[in-house]
């Protein structure tokens, strides 16, 4: 871990002073490509998943899908544990 930190400091400097471009380009799901601001991720260039900054309905849908995934996983693990106990 210390090696990685020291390598990073060597490459970019303690506070990024060795970076050629010190300005942040884009934010969230926006970035600058060929001088134009582009939307990336879900619904934009390169596809992808909806980001955490999505609107409320997308967040609700993602939360419901995640809860369903967790329920399914708990059920699967419960069945696996029962199978292990029965067949040891």
C-alpha atoms as a PDB file:
ATOM      1  CA  UNK A   1       0.000   0.000   0.000  1.00  0.00           C
ATOM      2  CA  UNK A   2       2.786   2.418   0.869  1.00  0.00           C
ATOM      3  CA  UNK A   3       4.464   1.650  -2.450  1.00  0.00           C
ATOM      4  CA  UNK A   4       1.296   2.626  -4.334  1.00  0.00           C
ATOM      5  CA  UNK A   5       1.005   5.875  -2.389  1.00  0.00           C
ATOM      6  CA  UNK A   6       4.638   6.810  -2.968  1.00  0.00           C
ATOM      7  CA  UNK A   7       4.343   5.935  -6.672  1.00  0.00           C
ATOM      8  CA  UNK A   8       1.268   8.169  -6.938  1.00  0.00           C
ATOM      9  CA  UNK A   9       3.064  11.058  -5.227  1.00  0.00           C
ATOM     10  CA  UNK A  10       6.050  10.587  -7.568  1.00  0.00           C
ATOM     11  CA  UNK A  11       3.819  10.679 -10.641  1.00  0.00           C
ATOM     12  CA  UNK A  12       1.383  13.511  -9.832  1.00  0.00           C
ATOM     13  CA  UNK A  13       2.962  15.318  -6.892  1.00  0.00           C
ATOM     14  CA  UNK A  14       1.781  15.739  -3.326  1.00  0.00           C
ATOM     15  CA  UNK A  15      -1.179  17.903  -4.358  1.00  0.00           C
ATOM     16  CA  UNK A  16      -1.329  17.250  -8.102  1.00  0.00           C
ATOM     17  CA  UNK A  17       1.191  19.952  -8.990  1.00  0.00           C
ATOM     18  CA  UNK A  18       2.851  17.699 -11.621  1.00  0.00           C
ATOM     19  CA  UNK A  19      -0.406  17.194 -13.553  1.00  0.00           C
ATOM     20  CA  UNK A  20      -0.498  18.744 -17.015  1.00  0.00           C
ATOM     21  CA  UNK A  21      -4.241  19.475 -16.893  1.00  0.00           C
ATOM     22  CA  UNK A  22      -5.279  20.698 -13.463  1.00  0.00           C
ATOM     23  CA  UNK A  23      -8.880  21.555 -14.384  1.00  0.00           C
ATOM     24  CA  UNK A  24     -11.713  19.093 -13.814  1.00  0.00           C
ATOM     25  CA  UNK A  25     -13.517  18.393 -17.066  1.00  0.00           C
ATOM     26  CA  UNK A  26     -17.110  17.339 -16.658  1.00  0.00           C
ATOM     27  CA  UNK A  27     -18.924  16.094 -13.594  1.00  0.00           C
ATOM     28  CA  UNK A  28     -21.269  13.241 -12.753  1.00  0.00           C
ATOM     29  CA  UNK A  29     -22.332  11.662 -16.024  1.00  0.00           C
ATOM     30  CA  UNK A  30     -20.958  14.520 -18.150  1.00  0.00           C
ATOM     31  CA  UNK A  31     -17.466  14.657 -19.648  1.00  0.00           C
ATOM     32  CA  UNK A  32     -15.636  16.532 -22.376  1.00  0.00           C
ATOM     33  CA  UNK A  33     -14.824  14.437 -25.474  1.00  0.00           C
ATOM     34  CA  UNK A  34     -13.170  16.145 -28.453  1.00  0.00           C
ATOM     35  CA  UNK A  35     -14.006  19.545 -27.007  1.00  0.00           C
ATOM     36  CA  UNK A  36     -17.752  18.821 -26.639  1.00  0.00           C
ATOM     37  CA  UNK A  37     -19.571  18.013 -23.417  1.00  0.00           C
ATOM     38  CA  UNK A  38     -21.067  14.506 -23.737  1.00  0.00           C
ATOM     39  CA  UNK A  39     -23.384  12.476 -21.533  1.00  0.00           C
ATOM     40  CA  UNK A  40     -21.898   9.087 -20.727  1.00  0.00           C
ATOM     41  CA  UNK A  41     -23.344   6.067 -18.967  1.00  0.00           C
ATOM     42  CA  UNK A  42     -27.012   5.075 -19.134  1.00  0.00           C
ATOM     43  CA  UNK A  43     -28.884   6.969 -21.806  1.00  0.00           C
ATOM     44  CA  UNK A  44     -25.713   8.470 -23.229  1.00  0.00           C
ATOM     45  CA  UNK A  45     -22.559   7.571 -25.059  1.00  0.00           C
ATOM     46  CA  UNK A  46     -21.058   4.136 -24.312  1.00  0.00           C
ATOM     47  CA  UNK A  47     -24.232   2.819 -22.590  1.00  0.00           C
ATOM     48  CA  UNK A  48     -23.859   1.763 -18.974  1.00  0.00           C
ATOM     49  CA  UNK A  49     -25.842   1.834 -15.777  1.00  0.00           C
ATOM     50  CA  UNK A  50     -27.869   4.642 -14.273  1.00  0.00           C
ATOM     51  CA  UNK A  51     -25.726   6.682 -11.924  1.00  0.00           C
ATOM     52  CA  UNK A  52     -26.516   7.576  -8.307  1.00  0.00           C
ATOM     53  CA  UNK A  53     -27.385  11.098  -9.445  1.00  0.00           C
ATOM     54  CA  UNK A  54     -30.333   9.726 -11.476  1.00  0.00           C
ATOM     55  CA  UNK A  55     -33.809  11.154 -10.992  1.00  0.00           C
ATOM     56  CA  UNK A  56     -36.049   9.937  -8.162  1.00  0.00           C
ATOM     57  CA  UNK A  57     -38.021   7.424 -10.242  1.00  0.00           C
ATOM     58  CA  UNK A  58     -34.821   5.748 -11.484  1.00  0.00           C
ATOM     59  CA  UNK A  59     -33.461   5.632  -7.932  1.00  0.00           C
ATOM     60  CA  UNK A  60     -36.716   4.042  -6.709  1.00  0.00           C
ATOM     61  CA  UNK A  61     -36.655   1.468  -9.513  1.00  0.00           C
ATOM     62  CA  UNK A  62     -32.978   0.654  -8.818  1.00  0.00           C
ATOM     63  CA  UNK A  63     -33.683   0.348  -5.083  1.00  0.00           C
ATOM     64  CA  UNK A  64     -36.590  -2.044  -5.722  1.00  0.00           C
ATOM     65  CA  UNK A  65     -34.463  -4.189  -8.043  1.00  0.00           C
ATOM     66  CA  UNK A  66     -31.627  -4.267  -5.509  1.00  0.00           C
ATOM     67  CA  UNK A  67     -34.003  -5.272  -2.691  1.00  0.00           C
ATOM     68  CA  UNK A  68     -35.397  -8.056  -4.899  1.00  0.00           C
ATOM     69  CA  UNK A  69     -31.864  -9.248  -5.616  1.00  0.00           C
ATOM     70  CA  UNK A  70     -31.052  -9.312  -1.893  1.00  0.00           C
ATOM     71  CA  UNK A  71     -34.282 -11.230  -1.112  1.00  0.00           C
ATOM     72  CA  UNK A  72     -33.473 -13.775  -3.797  1.00  0.00           C
ATOM     73  CA  UNK A  73     -29.909 -14.160  -2.509  1.00  0.00           C
ATOM     74  CA  UNK A  74     -31.098 -14.610   1.111  1.00  0.00           C
ATOM     75  CA  UNK A  75     -33.559 -17.258  -0.048  1.00  0.00           C
ATOM     76  CA  UNK A  76     -30.848 -19.061  -2.048  1.00  0.00           C
ATOM     77  CA  UNK A  77     -28.446 -19.044   0.904  1.00  0.00           C
ATOM     78  CA  UNK A  78     -31.179 -20.275   3.226  1.00  0.00           C
ATOM     79  CA  UNK A  79     -31.885 -23.197   0.852  1.00  0.00           C
ATOM     80  CA  UNK A  80     -28.157 -23.955   0.573  1.00  0.00           C
ATOM     81  CA  UNK A  81     -27.826 -24.012   4.369  1.00  0.00           C
ATOM     82  CA  UNK A  82     -30.796 -26.382   4.684  1.00  0.00           C
ATOM     83  CA  UNK A  83     -29.324 -28.647   2.023  1.00  0.00           C
ATOM     84  CA  UNK A  84     -25.952 -28.689   3.869  1.00  0.00           C
ATOM     85  CA  UNK A  85     -27.640 -29.560   7.176  1.00  0.00           C
ATOM     86  CA  UNK A  86     -29.637 -32.396   5.624  1.00  0.00           C
ATOM     87  CA  UNK A  87     -26.792 -33.893   3.608  1.00  0.00           C
ATOM     88  CA  UNK A  88     -23.890 -32.778   5.789  1.00  0.00           C
END
